[in-house]
Amino acid sequence: MSEKKQILKIRDLSVSFHTANGLVKAVRGLNMDVYRGETVAVVGESGSGKSVTVKEIMGIHAPNESIGGGTIEFTYDDGGGEKTVDLLKISPRTMQNHLKGKHIAMVFQDPMTSLDPTMTIGRQLMEGMLLHLHIGREEARKRAAELLRMVGISDPEKRMKSYPHQLSGGMRQRVVIAIALSCDPDLLICDEPTTALDVTIQARILQLIMDLQKQFNIAVVFITHNLGVVAKVADYVNVMYAGKIIETGRTEDIFFDPRHPYTWGLLSSIPDVSGDKADRLYNIKGNPPNLLNEIKGDAFAPRNPFAMEIDFQEEPPMFKISGHHQAATWLLDPRAPKVEMPDQLRRRIEAMKKEDAAHAGN
């Protein structure tokens, strides 16, 4: 089996924002790895730092932000062999002209923020190809039509003459995906790409992203707060809380063997239509911490029903559970008392395992 190729390596990333109320520490020492051909989901509540992280990868910087430290190493082949660059150190011009669109592409939550309402779909699709691929207009036009066909848009020649407002939300999102794939990127970032769509269209868009990822062997970073989406699309999952990744593992690790109390809470709060009617929908008590304030110890401690004294004094390290599963909780320290996940969640996981085995048998 060939060795996995790492395409993205984030180490100790810290991002803060200067506001009228003080400094908001939005990302606090984040580490993340992404390999070619894999989908990594980043999941967590609103305000956990998911979108800030991917904007740094894309070189989208706010005027009031400051980088407190860290590196974002991106490896790609520009035709002259593989090279690795720190995305935090390259110039905006290099990012715009050589990497964005060509090697790193992004699909945003609302397609209307990505599409120019004054330009036809065809022109917007061809723009990146003419800039990055150095091909003629006719070839770009053919390629654009083929991409629209690939993402499931019928009569692509006619659609290329349309403007964004003439398409439905689902079709606009398909166009955005086609634009993102137009220059064969190495890394595709999807920031909640199905949130604004109805459930049926959501499923189709997710399937489309999965099919295209396998077809082109690209790496995908998928940002979402929806664990149902994660179960469908991801190979690996990073659970974020208060600007840090607090549990990371394969999708089956996170769903079948979660170890962090926050992950327990997230999984317990998914509506379960087949479960025991006596089970009430779980909610994690309290609110995420205010990142204007200095956090001492574990950021989740005030909401953690299993918190110990040390949780309020010292931040937990990442404890290794297996070669592909880690979690930052003092409960994994050998000296900690043995704490089991809530019974309601244990029953749910058993049911999920049975369902998974039944699907595998079909």
Protein backbone atom coordinates (compact mmCIF):
# COMPACT_ATOMS: atom_id res chain seq x y z
CA MET A 1 0.00 0.00 0.00
CA SER A 2 1.43 3.40 -0.97
CA GLU A 3 2.28 5.88 1.75
CA LYS A 4 -0.29 8.60 2.46
CA LYS A 5 0.75 12.04 1.21
CA GLN A 6 0.27 14.86 3.67
CA ILE A 7 -1.09 17.94 1.99
CA LEU A 8 -1.82 20.21 4.97
CA LYS A 9 -0.07 20.41 8.33
CA ILE A 10 -1.24 23.02 10.85
CA ARG A 11 0.78 23.44 14.04
CA ASP A 12 0.09 25.68 17.06
CA LEU A 13 -2.09 28.13 15.10
CA SER A 14 -3.28 31.06 17.21
CA VAL A 15 -5.56 33.79 15.83
CA SER A 16 -6.97 36.75 17.76
CA PHE A 17 -9.24 39.66 16.87
CA HIS A 18 -8.98 43.19 18.22
CA THR A 19 -12.46 44.40 19.21
CA ALA A 20 -13.89 47.38 21.09
CA ASN A 21 -14.22 45.10 24.14
CA GLY A 22 -10.70 43.70 23.97
CA LEU A 23 -8.77 40.85 22.35
CA VAL A 24 -10.83 37.79 21.32
CA LYS A 25 -8.63 34.67 21.16
CA ALA A 26 -10.60 32.80 18.50
CA VAL A 27 -8.08 30.03 17.72
CA ARG A 28 -5.77 28.93 20.54
CA GLY A 29 -2.94 26.62 19.47
CA LEU A 30 -4.66 24.46 16.88
CA ASN A 31 -3.07 21.36 15.26
CA MET A 32 -4.50 19.58 12.24
CA ASP A 33 -3.33 17.13 9.54
CA VAL A 34 -4.93 16.51 6.15
CA TYR A 35 -3.85 13.86 3.62
CA ARG A 36 -4.54 13.56 -0.09
CA GLY A 37 -7.73 11.68 -0.96
CA GLU A 38 -9.22 12.02 2.54
CA THR A 39 -12.07 14.07 3.97
CA VAL A 40 -11.45 15.66 7.35
CA ALA A 41 -14.51 17.10 9.10
CA VAL A 42 -14.13 19.90 11.62
CA VAL A 43 -17.15 19.98 13.93
CA GLY A 44 -18.19 22.14 16.87
CA GLU A 45 -20.62 24.78 18.09
CA SER A 46 -20.85 28.23 16.49
CA GLY A 47 -17.95 30.37 17.68
CA SER A 48 -15.59 27.43 18.23
CA GLY A 49 -13.14 28.74 15.60
CA LYS A 50 -13.96 26.44 12.65
CA SER A 51 -14.49 29.12 10.00
CA VAL A 52 -11.61 31.28 11.28
CA THR A 53 -9.26 28.32 10.80
CA VAL A 54 -10.26 27.64 7.19
CA LYS A 55 -10.14 31.35 6.31
CA GLU A 56 -6.50 31.37 7.43
CA ILE A 57 -5.83 28.43 5.09
CA MET A 58 -7.45 30.41 2.25
CA GLY A 59 -5.53 33.59 3.10
CA ILE A 60 -8.73 35.47 3.98
CA HIS A 61 -7.60 37.85 6.71
CA ALA A 62 -9.75 40.32 8.65
CA PRO A 63 -8.33 43.84 9.16
CA ASN A 64 -8.61 43.48 12.96
CA GLU A 65 -6.96 40.06 13.24
CA SER A 66 -3.52 39.16 14.51
CA ILE A 67 -1.69 35.85 14.18
CA GLY A 68 -0.28 34.89 17.55
CA GLY A 69 1.90 32.11 16.15
CA GLY A 70 1.95 28.79 14.37
CA THR A 71 2.41 27.46 10.86
CA ILE A 72 0.13 26.25 8.04
CA GLU A 73 2.27 24.10 5.76
CA PHE A 74 0.72 23.29 2.39
CA THR A 75 2.33 20.80 -0.01
CA TYR A 76 1.52 20.92 -3.73
CA ASP A 77 3.03 20.22 -7.15
CA ASP A 78 3.33 23.24 -9.44
CA GLY A 79 4.64 21.21 -12.38
CA GLY A 80 8.25 21.52 -11.31
CA GLY A 81 7.99 19.01 -8.47
CA GLU A 82 6.51 19.08 -4.99
CA LYS A 83 7.01 22.11 -2.78
CA THR A 84 5.85 23.03 0.71
CA VAL A 85 5.00 26.59 1.72
CA ASP A 86 3.83 28.18 4.96
CA LEU A 87 0.54 29.83 4.00
CA LEU A 88 0.96 32.36 6.82
CA LYS A 89 4.22 33.63 5.33
CA ILE A 90 3.44 33.96 1.62
CA SER A 91 2.32 37.28 0.14
CA PRO A 92 -1.36 37.96 -0.65
CA ARG A 93 -0.34 38.29 -4.31
CA THR A 94 1.25 34.81 -4.40
CA MET A 95 -1.82 33.41 -2.67
CA GLN A 96 -4.18 35.05 -5.17
CA ASN A 97 -2.22 34.37 -8.35
CA HIS A 98 -0.67 30.95 -7.69
CA LEU A 99 -2.56 29.06 -4.99
CA LYS A 100 -6.16 30.23 -4.54
CA GLY A 101 -8.42 28.59 -7.09
CA LYS A 102 -5.60 26.60 -8.65
CA HIS A 103 -4.37 24.52 -5.70
CA ILE A 104 -6.76 25.46 -2.86
CA ALA A 105 -10.47 26.08 -3.52
CA MET A 106 -13.39 26.83 -1.23
CA VAL A 107 -17.15 26.30 -1.28
CA PHE A 108 -18.95 28.71 1.04
CA GLN A 109 -22.22 28.30 2.95
CA ASP A 110 -24.18 30.75 0.81
CA PRO A 111 -23.48 30.44 -2.93
CA MET A 112 -24.65 34.01 -3.55
CA THR A 113 -21.63 35.34 -1.61
CA SER A 114 -19.33 33.43 -4.02
CA LEU A 115 -21.04 34.34 -7.30
CA ASP A 116 -20.94 37.71 -9.03
CA PRO A 117 -24.56 38.70 -9.79
CA THR A 118 -23.44 40.80 -12.79
CA MET A 119 -21.59 38.01 -14.60
CA THR A 120 -22.93 34.98 -16.45
CA ILE A 121 -22.29 31.51 -15.04
CA GLY A 122 -20.11 30.64 -18.05
CA ARG A 123 -17.89 33.69 -17.64
CA GLN A 124 -17.42 33.02 -13.92
CA LEU A 125 -16.50 29.39 -14.61
CA MET A 126 -14.02 30.31 -17.34
CA GLU A 127 -12.30 33.12 -15.43
CA GLY A 128 -10.14 30.92 -13.19
CA MET A 129 -9.26 28.53 -16.02
CA LEU A 130 -8.07 31.36 -18.27
CA LEU A 131 -5.94 32.75 -15.42
CA HIS A 132 -4.45 29.55 -13.98
CA LEU A 133 -4.53 26.91 -16.74
CA HIS A 134 -3.40 29.22 -19.58
CA ILE A 135 -5.82 27.70 -22.07
CA GLY A 136 -7.76 29.34 -24.92
CA ARG A 137 -11.33 30.62 -24.57
CA GLU A 138 -12.84 27.81 -26.66
CA GLU A 139 -11.16 25.11 -24.58
CA ALA A 140 -12.21 26.89 -21.38
CA ARG A 141 -15.81 27.05 -22.66
CA LYS A 142 -15.85 23.30 -23.40
CA ARG A 143 -14.32 22.53 -20.01
CA ALA A 144 -16.88 24.78 -18.27
CA ALA A 145 -19.78 22.97 -19.96
CA GLU A 146 -18.28 19.60 -19.01
CA LEU A 147 -17.90 20.70 -15.36
CA LEU A 148 -21.55 21.80 -15.21
CA ARG A 149 -22.57 18.44 -16.64
CA MET A 150 -20.37 16.70 -14.06
CA VAL A 151 -22.06 18.48 -11.14
CA GLY A 152 -25.49 17.46 -12.44
CA ILE A 153 -26.68 20.57 -14.27
CA SER A 154 -28.65 19.70 -17.39
CA ASP A 155 -28.37 21.70 -20.62
CA PRO A 156 -25.03 23.27 -19.52
CA GLU A 157 -24.62 25.37 -22.70
CA LYS A 158 -27.90 27.16 -21.89
CA ARG A 159 -27.02 27.52 -18.19
CA MET A 160 -23.69 29.14 -19.01
CA LYS A 161 -25.63 32.12 -20.39
CA SER A 162 -27.70 32.43 -17.17
CA TYR A 163 -27.04 34.79 -14.27
CA PRO A 164 -26.93 33.54 -10.66
CA HIS A 165 -30.37 34.94 -9.75
CA GLN A 166 -31.92 32.81 -12.51
CA LEU A 167 -30.88 29.56 -10.78
CA SER A 168 -32.26 27.80 -7.70
CA GLY A 169 -30.21 27.61 -4.47
CA GLY A 170 -29.23 24.01 -5.16
CA MET A 171 -28.13 24.80 -8.71
CA ARG A 172 -26.14 27.82 -7.55
CA GLN A 173 -24.30 25.63 -5.02
CA ARG A 174 -23.54 23.12 -7.81
CA VAL A 175 -22.12 25.99 -9.90
CA VAL A 176 -19.92 27.06 -6.97
CA ILE A 177 -18.63 23.48 -6.66
CA ALA A 178 -17.93 23.42 -10.42
CA ILE A 179 -15.97 26.69 -10.12
CA ALA A 180 -14.04 25.30 -7.13
CA LEU A 181 -13.08 22.20 -9.16
CA SER A 182 -12.37 24.03 -12.42
CA CYS A 183 -8.59 24.16 -11.95
CA ASP A 184 -8.13 20.69 -10.40
CA PRO A 185 -7.30 21.84 -6.85
CA ASP A 186 -5.31 19.68 -4.42
CA LEU A 187 -7.41 20.83 -1.46
CA LEU A 188 -11.13 21.63 -1.38
CA ILE A 189 -12.53 23.44 1.66
CA CYS A 190 -16.29 23.22 2.24
CA ASP A 191 -17.62 25.63 4.86
CA GLU A 192 -21.15 24.44 5.78
CA PRO A 193 -21.96 24.05 2.05
CA THR A 194 -25.45 22.58 2.54
CA THR A 195 -26.84 24.66 5.43
CA ALA A 196 -28.91 26.98 3.23
CA LEU A 197 -30.44 24.12 1.23
CA ASP A 198 -33.43 21.88 1.87
CA VAL A 199 -32.83 18.31 3.07
CA THR A 200 -33.28 16.57 -0.31
CA ILE A 201 -30.88 18.95 -2.09
CA GLN A 202 -28.46 18.69 0.87
CA ALA A 203 -28.17 14.93 0.38
CA ARG A 204 -27.51 15.33 -3.34
CA ILE A 205 -24.83 18.00 -2.81
CA LEU A 206 -23.09 15.86 -0.16
CA GLN A 207 -23.12 12.83 -2.47
CA LEU A 208 -21.77 15.00 -5.28
CA ILE A 209 -18.86 16.26 -3.14
CA MET A 210 -18.04 12.68 -2.08
CA ASP A 211 -18.15 11.36 -5.66
CA LEU A 212 -15.96 14.18 -7.00
CA GLN A 213 -13.47 13.77 -4.14
CA LYS A 214 -13.01 10.07 -5.01
CA GLN A 215 -12.88 10.78 -8.74
CA PHE A 216 -10.15 13.43 -8.45
CA ASN A 217 -8.40 12.08 -5.31
CA ILE A 218 -8.46 15.52 -3.67
CA ALA A 219 -8.23 16.32 0.01
CA VAL A 220 -11.38 17.83 1.52
CA VAL A 221 -11.76 19.84 4.73
CA PHE A 222 -15.45 19.87 5.64
CA ILE A 223 -16.65 22.43 8.21
CA THR A 224 -20.01 21.70 9.82
CA HIS A 225 -21.96 21.66 13.07
CA ASN A 226 -24.14 18.82 11.76
CA LEU A 227 -22.96 15.41 12.99
CA GLY A 228 -25.30 13.64 10.57
CA VAL A 229 -23.35 15.21 7.72
CA VAL A 230 -20.05 14.19 9.37
CA ALA A 231 -21.10 10.53 9.56
CA LYS A 232 -21.88 10.59 5.84
CA VAL A 233 -18.84 12.36 4.37
CA ALA A 234 -15.81 12.18 6.68
CA ASP A 235 -12.87 9.80 7.02
CA TYR A 236 -11.49 11.71 10.01
CA VAL A 237 -13.14 14.07 12.49
CA ASN A 238 -11.71 16.95 14.50
CA VAL A 239 -13.97 18.13 17.34
CA MET A 240 -13.39 21.82 18.13
CA TYR A 241 -14.20 23.68 21.32
CA ALA A 242 -13.20 27.23 22.29
CA GLY A 243 -10.56 27.57 19.58
CA LYS A 244 -8.87 24.18 20.05
CA ILE A 245 -9.27 20.65 18.71
CA ILE A 246 -10.21 18.61 21.78
CA GLU A 247 -10.77 15.21 20.16
CA THR A 248 -9.56 13.80 16.88
CA GLY A 249 -9.87 10.39 15.25
CA ARG A 250 -11.37 8.33 12.51
CA THR A 251 -15.10 8.79 12.03
CA GLU A 252 -15.80 5.43 13.73
CA ASP A 253 -13.61 6.47 16.71
CA ILE A 254 -15.66 9.60 17.29
CA PHE A 255 -19.07 7.98 16.76
CA PHE A 256 -18.49 4.57 18.37
CA ASP A 257 -15.77 5.27 20.97
CA PRO A 258 -15.92 8.98 21.94
CA ARG A 259 -13.75 9.88 24.95
CA HIS A 260 -14.20 13.61 25.57
CA PRO A 261 -17.24 14.69 27.65
CA TYR A 262 -17.93 17.44 25.11
CA THR A 263 -18.08 14.84 22.30
CA TRP A 264 -20.44 12.80 24.51
CA GLY A 265 -22.67 15.85 24.78
CA LEU A 266 -22.58 16.53 21.02
CA LEU A 267 -23.50 12.94 20.15
CA SER A 268 -26.21 12.81 22.84
CA SER A 269 -27.83 15.96 21.47
CA ILE A 270 -28.52 14.50 18.00
CA PRO A 271 -32.28 13.85 17.62
CA ASP A 272 -32.88 10.08 17.53
CA VAL A 273 -36.12 9.21 15.77
CA SER A 274 -35.76 5.48 16.42
CA GLY A 275 -34.73 5.73 20.08
CA ASP A 276 -36.57 5.20 23.32
CA LYS A 277 -39.37 7.76 23.60
CA ALA A 278 -38.53 8.10 27.30
CA ASP A 279 -35.09 9.49 26.35
CA ARG A 280 -35.23 13.26 26.40
CA LEU A 281 -33.10 15.19 23.93
CA TYR A 282 -29.85 16.01 25.70
CA ASN A 283 -28.45 19.51 25.83
CA ILE A 284 -25.02 20.57 27.07
CA LYS A 285 -25.62 22.81 30.07
CA GLY A 286 -24.15 26.31 30.18
CA ASN A 287 -22.53 28.33 27.40
CA PRO A 288 -19.18 28.24 25.61
CA PRO A 289 -16.57 30.44 27.32
CA ASN A 290 -16.18 34.10 26.43
CA LEU A 291 -12.91 34.15 24.49
CA LEU A 292 -12.30 37.74 25.59
CA ASN A 293 -11.39 36.29 28.98
CA GLU A 294 -8.24 34.37 29.85
CA ILE A 295 -9.04 30.66 30.07
CA LYS A 296 -7.44 28.80 32.93
CA GLY A 297 -7.40 25.02 32.80
CA ASP A 298 -9.79 23.15 30.52
CA ALA A 299 -12.12 25.50 28.62
CA PHE A 300 -14.92 22.92 28.90
CA ALA A 301 -14.56 22.50 32.70
CA PRO A 302 -17.48 24.81 33.76
CA ARG A 303 -19.89 22.76 31.57
CA ASN A 304 -18.36 19.36 32.30
CA PRO A 305 -20.40 17.27 34.78
CA PHE A 306 -17.28 15.10 35.33
CA ALA A 307 -14.85 17.99 35.92
CA MET A 308 -12.15 17.49 38.56
CA GLU A 309 -10.13 20.07 40.45
CA ILE A 310 -7.28 19.89 37.94
CA ASP A 311 -9.66 20.82 35.10
CA PHE A 312 -9.97 24.32 36.56
CA GLN A 313 -6.21 24.68 37.07
CA GLU A 314 -4.35 23.12 34.16
CA GLU A 315 -5.12 22.59 30.49
CA PRO A 316 -5.15 18.87 29.60
CA PRO A 317 -2.68 17.59 26.98
CA MET A 318 -3.77 15.39 24.09
CA PHE A 319 -3.90 11.83 25.44
CA LYS A 320 -3.24 9.10 22.86
CA ILE A 321 -5.99 6.46 22.75
CA SER A 322 -4.73 4.70 19.60
CA GLY A 323 -2.54 5.50 16.61
CA HIS A 324 -5.40 7.52 15.09
CA HIS A 325 -7.45 8.65 18.11
CA GLN A 326 -6.58 11.34 20.69
CA ALA A 327 -8.53 13.47 23.17
CA ALA A 328 -7.65 16.35 25.47
CA THR A 329 -9.37 15.46 28.74
CA TRP A 330 -7.95 14.75 32.21
CA LEU A 331 -10.36 11.78 32.39
CA LEU A 332 -7.83 9.89 30.24
CA ASP A 333 -5.01 10.43 32.75
CA PRO A 334 -4.19 7.08 34.42
CA ARG A 335 -4.63 8.78 37.83
CA ALA A 336 -8.19 9.95 37.04
CA PRO A 337 -11.24 8.12 38.43
CA LYS A 338 -12.95 5.77 35.97
CA VAL A 339 -15.87 7.59 34.35
CA GLU A 340 -18.22 5.91 31.88
CA MET A 341 -20.12 7.71 29.15
CA PRO A 342 -23.82 8.38 29.92
CA ASP A 343 -26.10 5.30 29.59
CA GLN A 344 -28.34 7.06 27.07
CA LEU A 345 -25.36 7.62 24.76
CA ARG A 346 -24.07 4.07 25.28
CA ARG A 347 -27.46 2.68 24.18
CA ARG A 348 -27.47 4.95 21.17
CA ILE A 349 -23.95 3.87 20.14
CA GLU A 350 -24.92 0.20 20.42
CA ALA A 351 -27.91 0.89 18.15
CA MET A 352 -25.68 2.77 15.67
CA LYS A 353 -23.20 -0.14 15.61
CA LYS A 354 -26.01 -2.61 14.86
CA GLU A 355 -27.34 -0.36 12.10
CA ASP A 356 -23.84 0.03 10.68
CA ALA A 357 -23.29 -3.75 10.70
CA ALA A 358 -26.67 -4.29 8.97
CA HIS A 359 -25.71 -1.78 6.22
CA ALA A 360 -22.32 -3.48 5.80
CA GLY A 361 -24.06 -6.86 5.42
CA ASN A 362 -26.29 -5.63 2.59
